[in-house]
């Protein structure tokens, strides 16, 4: 590589760097695109409203309770055998 080739490569790299910096500032980082807005939210309080009694009442079924259907005397139900009485 000759001395002229190396100087030409350096000039081209420098010029393309400046050109890409200027074009990126125009298209991507314009001041109008840097302005952002945020919505205003209410402050968090410790008050919790009472839930609707239509869905949450004292007589409703509790899905977290264990429901057993019939008598199951088999202590190991998945071992392939069954106890028939």
PDB file of N, CA and C in Angstrom:
ATOM      1  N   UNK A   1       0.848  -1.164   0.000  1.00  0.00           N
ATOM      2  CA  UNK A   1       0.000   0.000   0.000  1.00  0.00           C
ATOM      3  C   UNK A   1       0.902   1.238   0.000  1.00  0.00           C
ATOM      4  N   UNK A   2       0.578   2.146  -0.855  1.00  0.00           N
ATOM      5  CA  UNK A   2       1.392   3.350  -0.989  1.00  0.00           C
ATOM      6  C   UNK A   2       0.954   4.407   0.029  1.00  0.00           C
ATOM      7  N   UNK A   3       1.760   5.393   0.188  1.00  0.00           N
ATOM      8  CA  UNK A   3       1.492   6.480   1.130  1.00  0.00           C
ATOM      9  C   UNK A   3       0.251   7.263   0.707  1.00  0.00           C
ATOM     10  N   UNK A   4       0.050   7.416  -0.608  1.00  0.00           N
ATOM     11  CA  UNK A   4      -1.115   8.146  -1.113  1.00  0.00           C
ATOM     12  C   UNK A   4      -2.396   7.377  -0.823  1.00  0.00           C
ATOM     13  N   UNK A   5      -2.350   6.050  -0.933  1.00  0.00           N
ATOM     14  CA  UNK A   5      -3.534   5.226  -0.663  1.00  0.00           C
ATOM     15  C   UNK A   5      -3.951   5.336   0.809  1.00  0.00           C
ATOM     16  N   UNK A   6      -2.983   5.307   1.698  1.00  0.00           N
ATOM     17  CA  UNK A   6      -3.273   5.397   3.125  1.00  0.00           C
ATOM     18  C   UNK A   6      -3.868   6.759   3.460  1.00  0.00           C
ATOM     19  N   UNK A   7      -3.336   7.816   2.882  1.00  0.00           N
ATOM     20  CA  UNK A   7      -3.865   9.163   3.129  1.00  0.00           C
ATOM     21  C   UNK A   7      -5.273   9.288   2.575  1.00  0.00           C
ATOM     22  N   UNK A   8      -5.536   8.702   1.430  1.00  0.00           N
ATOM     23  CA  UNK A   8      -6.867   8.754   0.830  1.00  0.00           C
ATOM     24  C   UNK A   8      -7.875   7.999   1.691  1.00  0.00           C
ATOM     25  N   UNK A   9      -7.488   6.862   2.217  1.00  0.00           N
ATOM     26  CA  UNK A   9      -8.381   6.081   3.080  1.00  0.00           C
ATOM     27  C   UNK A   9      -8.707   6.861   4.351  1.00  0.00           C
ATOM     28  N   UNK A  10      -7.719   7.505   4.938  1.00  0.00           N
ATOM     29  CA  UNK A  10      -7.951   8.301   6.144  1.00  0.00           C
ATOM     30  C   UNK A  10      -8.889   9.467   5.863  1.00  0.00           C
ATOM     31  N   UNK A  11      -8.724  10.133   4.737  1.00  0.00           N
ATOM     32  CA  UNK A  11      -9.595  11.256   4.378  1.00  0.00           C
ATOM     33  C   UNK A  11     -11.025  10.769   4.134  1.00  0.00           C
ATOM     34  N   UNK A  12     -11.175   9.657   3.464  1.00  0.00           N
ATOM     35  CA  UNK A  12     -12.517   9.116   3.184  1.00  0.00           C
ATOM     36  C   UNK A  12     -13.208   8.698   4.480  1.00  0.00           C
ATOM     37  N   UNK A  13     -12.488   8.049   5.380  1.00  0.00           N
ATOM     38  CA  UNK A  13     -13.068   7.640   6.675  1.00  0.00           C
ATOM     39  C   UNK A  13     -13.477   8.864   7.488  1.00  0.00           C
ATOM     40  N   UNK A  14     -12.633   9.867   7.528  1.00  0.00           N
ATOM     41  CA  UNK A  14     -12.940  11.076   8.276  1.00  0.00           C
ATOM     42  C   UNK A  14     -14.159  11.793   7.685  1.00  0.00           C
ATOM     43  N   UNK A  15     -14.206  11.920   6.368  1.00  0.00           N
ATOM     44  CA  UNK A  15     -15.331  12.606   5.717  1.00  0.00           C
ATOM     45  C   UNK A  15     -16.633  11.821   5.908  1.00  0.00           C
ATOM     46  N   UNK A  16     -16.588  10.506   5.778  1.00  0.00           N
ATOM     47  CA  UNK A  16     -17.809   9.717   5.953  1.00  0.00           C
ATOM     48  C   UNK A  16     -18.270   9.738   7.410  1.00  0.00           C
ATOM     49  N   UNK A  17     -17.352   9.808   8.367  1.00  0.00           N
ATOM     50  CA  UNK A  17     -17.718   9.923   9.774  1.00  0.00           C
ATOM     51  C   UNK A  17     -18.439  11.224  10.067  1.00  0.00           C
ATOM     52  N   UNK A  18     -17.916  12.318   9.516  1.00  0.00           N
ATOM     53  CA  UNK A  18     -18.559  13.616   9.720  1.00  0.00           C
ATOM     54  C   UNK A  18     -19.926  13.638   9.044  1.00  0.00           C
ATOM     55  N   UNK A  19     -20.018  13.120   7.834  1.00  0.00           N
ATOM     56  CA  UNK A  19     -21.282  13.094   7.112  1.00  0.00           C
ATOM     57  C   UNK A  19     -22.322  12.242   7.843  1.00  0.00           C
ATOM     58  N   UNK A  20     -21.940  11.084   8.343  1.00  0.00           N
ATOM     59  CA  UNK A  20     -22.891  10.230   9.056  1.00  0.00           C
ATOM     60  C   UNK A  20     -23.309  10.859  10.381  1.00  0.00           C
ATOM     61  N   UNK A  21     -22.411  11.567  11.058  1.00  0.00           N
ATOM     62  CA  UNK A  21     -22.765  12.255  12.298  1.00  0.00           C
ATOM     63  C   UNK A  21     -23.794  13.346  12.034  1.00  0.00           C
ATOM     64  N   UNK A  22     -23.589  14.125  10.991  1.00  0.00           N
ATOM     65  CA  UNK A  22     -24.515  15.221  10.673  1.00  0.00           C
ATOM     66  C   UNK A  22     -25.874  14.672  10.273  1.00  0.00           C
ATOM     67  N   UNK A  23     -25.909  13.664   9.429  1.00  0.00           N
ATOM     68  CA  UNK A  23     -27.203  13.115   9.005  1.00  0.00           C
ATOM     69  C   UNK A  23     -27.928  12.417  10.155  1.00  0.00           C
ATOM     70  N   UNK A  24     -27.207  11.782  11.047  1.00  0.00           N
ATOM     71  CA  UNK A  24     -27.877  11.143  12.175  1.00  0.00           C
ATOM     72  C   UNK A  24     -28.459  12.184  13.128  1.00  0.00           C
ATOM     73  N   UNK A  25     -27.788  13.319  13.298  1.00  0.00           N
ATOM     74  CA  UNK A  25     -28.337  14.383  14.146  1.00  0.00           C
ATOM     75  C   UNK A  25     -29.609  14.965  13.524  1.00  0.00           C
ATOM     76  N   UNK A  26     -29.663  15.022  12.196  1.00  0.00           N
ATOM     77  CA  UNK A  26     -30.838  15.577  11.529  1.00  0.00           C
ATOM     78  C   UNK A  26     -32.023  14.626  11.640  1.00  0.00           C
ATOM     79  N   UNK A  27     -31.814  13.350  11.375  1.00  0.00           N
ATOM     80  CA  UNK A  27     -32.925  12.404  11.310  1.00  0.00           C
ATOM     81  C   UNK A  27     -33.293  11.782  12.656  1.00  0.00           C
ATOM     82  N   UNK A  28     -32.333  11.450  13.479  1.00  0.00           N
ATOM     83  CA  UNK A  28     -32.628  10.666  14.674  1.00  0.00           C
ATOM     84  C   UNK A  28     -32.660  11.480  15.964  1.00  0.00           C
ATOM     85  N   UNK A  29     -31.881  12.498  16.085  1.00  0.00           N
ATOM     86  CA  UNK A  29     -31.767  13.213  17.356  1.00  0.00           C
ATOM     87  C   UNK A  29     -32.201  14.661  17.242  1.00  0.00           C
ATOM     88  N   UNK A  30     -33.257  14.917  16.501  1.00  0.00           N
ATOM     89  CA  UNK A  30     -33.717  16.292  16.397  1.00  0.00           C
ATOM     90  C   UNK A  30     -34.389  16.697  17.712  1.00  0.00           C
ATOM     91  N   UNK A  31     -34.317  17.952  18.087  1.00  0.00           N
ATOM     92  CA  UNK A  31     -34.904  18.397  19.367  1.00  0.00           C
ATOM     93  C   UNK A  31     -36.409  18.144  19.455  1.00  0.00           C
ATOM     94  N   UNK A  32     -37.113  18.154  18.326  1.00  0.00           N
ATOM     95  CA  UNK A  32     -38.558  17.903  18.378  1.00  0.00           C
ATOM     96  C   UNK A  32     -38.860  16.459  18.751  1.00  0.00           C
ATOM     97  N   UNK A  33     -37.977  15.525  18.458  1.00  0.00           N
ATOM     98  CA  UNK A  33     -38.189  14.125  18.811  1.00  0.00           C
ATOM     99  C   UNK A  33     -37.734  13.820  20.230  1.00  0.00           C
ATOM    100  N   UNK A  34     -37.025  14.717  20.875  1.00  0.00           N
ATOM    101  CA  UNK A  34     -36.534  14.473  22.223  1.00  0.00           C
ATOM    102  C   UNK A  34     -37.550  14.855  23.286  1.00  0.00           C
ATOM    103  N   UNK A  35     -38.596  15.577  22.937  1.00  0.00           N
ATOM    104  CA  UNK A  35     -39.606  15.981  23.906  1.00  0.00           C
ATOM    105  C   UNK A  35     -40.558  14.814  24.142  1.00  0.00           C
ATOM    106  N   UNK A  36     -40.744  14.492  25.416  1.00  0.00           N
ATOM    107  CA  UNK A  36     -41.641  13.400  25.780  1.00  0.00           C
ATOM    108  C   UNK A  36     -42.609  13.895  26.841  1.00  0.00           C
ATOM    109  N   UNK A  37     -43.784  13.313  26.844  1.00  0.00           N
ATOM    110  CA  UNK A  37     -44.771  13.658  27.854  1.00  0.00           C
ATOM    111  C   UNK A  37     -45.099  12.418  28.662  1.00  0.00           C
ATOM    112  N   UNK A  38     -45.491  12.636  29.887  1.00  0.00           N
ATOM    113  CA  UNK A  38     -45.874  11.534  30.770  1.00  0.00           C
ATOM    114  C   UNK A  38     -47.243  11.848  31.353  1.00  0.00           C
ATOM    115  N   UNK A  39     -48.048  10.822  31.502  1.00  0.00           N
ATOM    116  CA  UNK A  39     -49.373  11.039  32.060  1.00  0.00           C
ATOM    117  C   UNK A  39     -49.276  11.206  33.575  1.00  0.00           C
ATOM    118  N   UNK A  40     -50.205  11.951  34.118  1.00  0.00           N
ATOM    119  CA  UNK A  40     -50.224  12.211  35.551  1.00  0.00           C
ATOM    120  C   UNK A  40     -51.033  11.103  36.208  1.00  0.00           C
ATOM    121  N   UNK A  41     -50.484  10.529  37.261  1.00  0.00           N
ATOM    122  CA  UNK A  41     -51.170   9.447  37.967  1.00  0.00           C
ATOM    123  C   UNK A  41     -51.547   9.909  39.372  1.00  0.00           C
ATOM    124  N   UNK A  42     -52.554   9.230  39.937  1.00  0.00           N
ATOM    125  CA  UNK A  42     -52.988   9.550  41.292  1.00  0.00           C
ATOM    126  C   UNK A  42     -52.011   8.962  42.303  1.00  0.00           C
ATOM    127  N   UNK A  43     -51.948   9.571  43.443  1.00  0.00           N
ATOM    128  CA  UNK A  43     -51.071   9.082  44.506  1.00  0.00           C
ATOM    129  C   UNK A  43     -51.631   7.774  45.069  1.00  0.00           C
ATOM    130  N   UNK A  44     -50.741   6.893  45.500  1.00  0.00           N
ATOM    131  CA  UNK A  44     -51.149   5.622  46.074  1.00  0.00           C
ATOM    132  C   UNK A  44     -51.539   5.843  47.531  1.00  0.00           C
ATOM    133  N   UNK A  45     -52.712   5.329  47.896  1.00  0.00           N
ATOM    134  CA  UNK A  45     -53.178   5.473  49.273  1.00  0.00           C
ATOM    135  C   UNK A  45     -53.364   4.096  49.890  1.00  0.00           C
ATOM    136  N   UNK A  46     -53.529   4.071  51.190  1.00  0.00           N
ATOM    137  CA  UNK A  46     -53.735   2.799  51.889  1.00  0.00           C
ATOM    138  C   UNK A  46     -55.209   2.415  51.949  1.00  0.00           C
ATOM    139  N   UNK A  47     -56.084   3.241  51.419  1.00  0.00           N
ATOM    140  CA  UNK A  47     -57.516   2.928  51.407  1.00  0.00           C
ATOM    141  C   UNK A  47     -57.818   1.937  50.299  1.00  0.00           C
ATOM    142  N   UNK A  48     -58.599   0.919  50.640  1.00  0.00           N
ATOM    143  CA  UNK A  48     -58.999  -0.082  49.651  1.00  0.00           C
ATOM    144  C   UNK A  48     -60.514  -0.179  49.687  1.00  0.00           C
ATOM    145  N   UNK A  49     -61.179   0.077  48.578  1.00  0.00           N
ATOM    146  CA  UNK A  49     -62.639   0.037  48.594  1.00  0.00           C
ATOM    147  C   UNK A  49     -63.151  -1.389  48.799  1.00  0.00           C
ATOM    148  N   UNK A  50     -64.326  -1.491  49.392  1.00  0.00           N
ATOM    149  CA  UNK A  50     -64.943  -2.796  49.610  1.00  0.00           C
ATOM    150  C   UNK A  50     -65.327  -3.387  48.259  1.00  0.00           C
ATOM    151  N   UNK A  51     -64.971  -4.665  48.004  1.00  0.00           N
ATOM    152  CA  UNK A  51     -65.314  -5.263  46.718  1.00  0.00           C
ATOM    153  C   UNK A  51     -66.813  -5.450  46.567  1.00  0.00           C
ATOM    154  N   UNK A  52     -67.241  -5.609  45.346  1.00  0.00           N
ATOM    155  CA  UNK A  52     -68.652  -5.763  45.036  1.00  0.00           C
ATOM    156  C   UNK A  52     -69.194  -7.042  45.681  1.00  0.00           C
ATOM    157  N   UNK A  53     -70.305  -6.926  46.396  1.00  0.00           N
ATOM    158  CA  UNK A  53     -70.872  -8.094  47.086  1.00  0.00           C
ATOM    159  C   UNK A  53     -71.488  -9.088  46.105  1.00  0.00           C
ATOM    160  N   UNK A  54     -71.638  -8.688  44.862  1.00  0.00           N
ATOM    161  CA  UNK A  54     -72.147  -9.621  43.849  1.00  0.00           C
ATOM    162  C   UNK A  54     -71.135 -10.744  43.604  1.00  0.00           C
ATOM    163  N   UNK A  55     -69.865 -10.437  43.678  1.00  0.00           N
ATOM    164  CA  UNK A  55     -68.811 -11.416  43.403  1.00  0.00           C
ATOM    165  C   UNK A  55     -68.147 -11.932  44.677  1.00  0.00           C
ATOM    166  N   UNK A  56     -68.052 -11.098  45.684  1.00  0.00           N
ATOM    167  CA  UNK A  56     -67.373 -11.470  46.926  1.00  0.00           C
ATOM    168  C   UNK A  56     -68.382 -11.419  48.061  1.00  0.00           C
ATOM    169  N   UNK A  57     -68.960 -12.570  48.386  1.00  0.00           N
ATOM    170  CA  UNK A  57     -69.888 -12.609  49.507  1.00  0.00           C
ATOM    171  C   UNK A  57     -69.549 -13.768  50.427  1.00  0.00           C
ATOM    172  N   UNK A  58     -70.188 -13.808  51.587  1.00  0.00           N
ATOM    173  CA  UNK A  58     -69.883 -14.819  52.589  1.00  0.00           C
ATOM    174  C   UNK A  58     -70.327 -16.209  52.166  1.00  0.00           C
ATOM    175  N   UNK A  59     -71.342 -16.329  51.331  1.00  0.00           N
ATOM    176  CA  UNK A  59     -71.908 -17.629  50.969  1.00  0.00           C
ATOM    177  C   UNK A  59     -71.315 -18.217  49.695  1.00  0.00           C
ATOM    178  N   UNK A  60     -70.335 -17.582  49.116  1.00  0.00           N
ATOM    179  CA  UNK A  60     -69.772 -18.096  47.870  1.00  0.00           C
ATOM    180  C   UNK A  60     -68.851 -19.279  48.135  1.00  0.00           C
ATOM    181  N   UNK A  61     -68.571 -20.052  47.094  1.00  0.00           N
ATOM    182  CA  UNK A  61     -67.715 -21.230  47.207  1.00  0.00           C
ATOM    183  C   UNK A  61     -66.264 -20.783  47.268  1.00  0.00           C
ATOM    184  N   UNK A  62     -65.506 -21.386  48.188  1.00  0.00           N
ATOM    185  CA  UNK A  62     -64.090 -21.064  48.330  1.00  0.00           C
ATOM    186  C   UNK A  62     -63.293 -22.046  47.466  1.00  0.00           C
ATOM    187  N   UNK A  63     -62.716 -21.621  46.351  1.00  0.00           N
ATOM    188  CA  UNK A  63     -62.015 -22.549  45.462  1.00  0.00           C
ATOM    189  C   UNK A  63     -60.698 -23.066  46.033  1.00  0.00           C
ATOM    190  N   UNK A  64     -60.239 -22.507  47.150  1.00  0.00           N
ATOM    191  CA  UNK A  64     -58.974 -22.965  47.715  1.00  0.00           C
ATOM    192  C   UNK A  64     -59.139 -24.146  48.663  1.00  0.00           C
ATOM    193  N   UNK A  65     -60.385 -24.504  48.988  1.00  0.00           N
ATOM    194  CA  UNK A  65     -60.608 -25.628  49.888  1.00  0.00           C
ATOM    195  C   UNK A  65     -60.539 -26.940  49.114  1.00  0.00           C
ATOM    196  N   UNK A  66     -60.077 -27.978  49.798  1.00  0.00           N
ATOM    197  CA  UNK A  66     -59.979 -29.297  49.204  1.00  0.00           C
ATOM    198  C   UNK A  66     -61.371 -29.905  49.094  1.00  0.00           C
ATOM    199  N   UNK A  67     -61.714 -30.376  47.912  1.00  0.00           N
ATOM    200  CA  UNK A  67     -63.006 -31.010  47.680  1.00  0.00           C
ATOM    201  C   UNK A  67     -62.754 -32.480  47.431  1.00  0.00           C
ATOM    202  N   UNK A  68     -63.390 -33.328  48.237  1.00  0.00           N
ATOM    203  CA  UNK A  68     -63.208 -34.772  48.097  1.00  0.00           C
ATOM    204  C   UNK A  68     -64.532 -35.370  47.661  1.00  0.00           C
ATOM    205  N   UNK A  69     -64.501 -36.135  46.600  1.00  0.00           N
ATOM    206  CA  UNK A  69     -65.695 -36.784  46.074  1.00  0.00           C
ATOM    207  C   UNK A  69     -65.579 -38.268  46.379  1.00  0.00           C
ATOM    208  N   UNK A  70     -66.429 -38.770  47.253  1.00  0.00           N
ATOM    209  CA  UNK A  70     -66.434 -40.189  47.589  1.00  0.00           C
ATOM    210  C   UNK A  70     -65.308 -40.561  48.525  1.00  0.00           C
ATOM    211  N   UNK A  71     -65.300 -41.870  48.910  1.00  0.00           N
ATOM    212  CA  UNK A  71     -64.252 -42.391  49.774  1.00  0.00           C
ATOM    213  C   UNK A  71     -63.128 -42.946  48.928  1.00  0.00           C
ATOM    214  N   UNK A  72     -61.938 -42.541  49.186  1.00  0.00           N
ATOM    215  CA  UNK A  72     -60.777 -43.064  48.479  1.00  0.00           C
ATOM    216  C   UNK A  72     -59.835 -43.641  49.519  1.00  0.00           C
ATOM    217  N   UNK A  73     -59.794 -44.973  49.594  1.00  0.00           N
ATOM    218  CA  UNK A  73     -58.940 -45.625  50.583  1.00  0.00           C
ATOM    219  C   UNK A  73     -57.603 -46.028  49.989  1.00  0.00           C
ATOM    220  N   UNK A  74     -57.390 -45.782  48.732  1.00  0.00           N
ATOM    221  CA  UNK A  74     -56.138 -46.151  48.089  1.00  0.00           C
ATOM    222  C   UNK A  74     -55.086 -45.081  48.408  1.00  0.00           C
ATOM    223  N   UNK A  75     -54.038 -45.409  49.187  1.00  0.00           N
ATOM    224  CA  UNK A  75     -53.046 -44.393  49.547  1.00  0.00           C
ATOM    225  C   UNK A  75     -52.114 -44.038  48.398  1.00  0.00           C
ATOM    226  N   UNK A  76     -52.030 -44.875  47.379  1.00  0.00           N
ATOM    227  CA  UNK A  76     -51.139 -44.630  46.254  1.00  0.00           C
ATOM    228  C   UNK A  76     -51.948 -44.804  44.966  1.00  0.00           C
ATOM    229  N   UNK A  77     -52.672 -43.800  44.517  1.00  0.00           N
ATOM    230  CA  UNK A  77     -53.607 -43.977  43.401  1.00  0.00           C
ATOM    231  C   UNK A  77     -52.943 -44.147  42.037  1.00  0.00           C
ATOM    232  N   UNK A  78     -51.696 -43.834  41.882  1.00  0.00           N
ATOM    233  CA  UNK A  78     -51.063 -43.885  40.571  1.00  0.00           C
ATOM    234  C   UNK A  78     -50.073 -45.033  40.425  1.00  0.00           C
ATOM    235  N   UNK A  79     -50.256 -46.103  41.176  1.00  0.00           N
ATOM    236  CA  UNK A  79     -49.296 -47.215  41.078  1.00  0.00           C
ATOM    237  C   UNK A  79     -49.795 -48.305  40.130  1.00  0.00           C
ATOM    238  N   UNK A  80     -50.921 -48.151  39.497  1.00  0.00           N
ATOM    239  CA  UNK A  80     -51.388 -49.125  38.515  1.00  0.00           C
ATOM    240  C   UNK A  80     -52.333 -50.160  39.075  1.00  0.00           C
ATOM    241  N   UNK A  81     -52.519 -50.196  40.360  1.00  0.00           N
ATOM    242  CA  UNK A  81     -53.476 -51.147  40.944  1.00  0.00           C
ATOM    243  C   UNK A  81     -54.606 -50.376  41.564  1.00  0.00           C
ATOM    244  N   UNK A  82     -55.718 -51.012  41.701  1.00  0.00           N
ATOM    245  CA  UNK A  82     -56.857 -50.359  42.333  1.00  0.00           C
ATOM    246  C   UNK A  82     -57.465 -51.296  43.349  1.00  0.00           C
ATOM    247  N   UNK A  83     -58.050 -50.719  44.363  1.00  0.00           N
ATOM    248  CA  UNK A  83     -58.703 -51.493  45.404  1.00  0.00           C
ATOM    249  C   UNK A  83     -60.197 -51.376  45.166  1.00  0.00           C
ATOM    250  N   UNK A  84     -60.813 -52.467  44.836  1.00  0.00           N
ATOM    251  CA  UNK A  84     -62.263 -52.495  44.587  1.00  0.00           C
ATOM    252  C   UNK A  84     -62.921 -53.136  45.788  1.00  0.00           C
ATOM    253  N   UNK A  85     -63.886 -52.471  46.339  1.00  0.00           N
ATOM    254  CA  UNK A  85     -64.591 -53.017  47.501  1.00  0.00           C
ATOM    255  C   UNK A  85     -66.027 -53.300  47.160  1.00  0.00           C
TER     256      UNK A  85
END
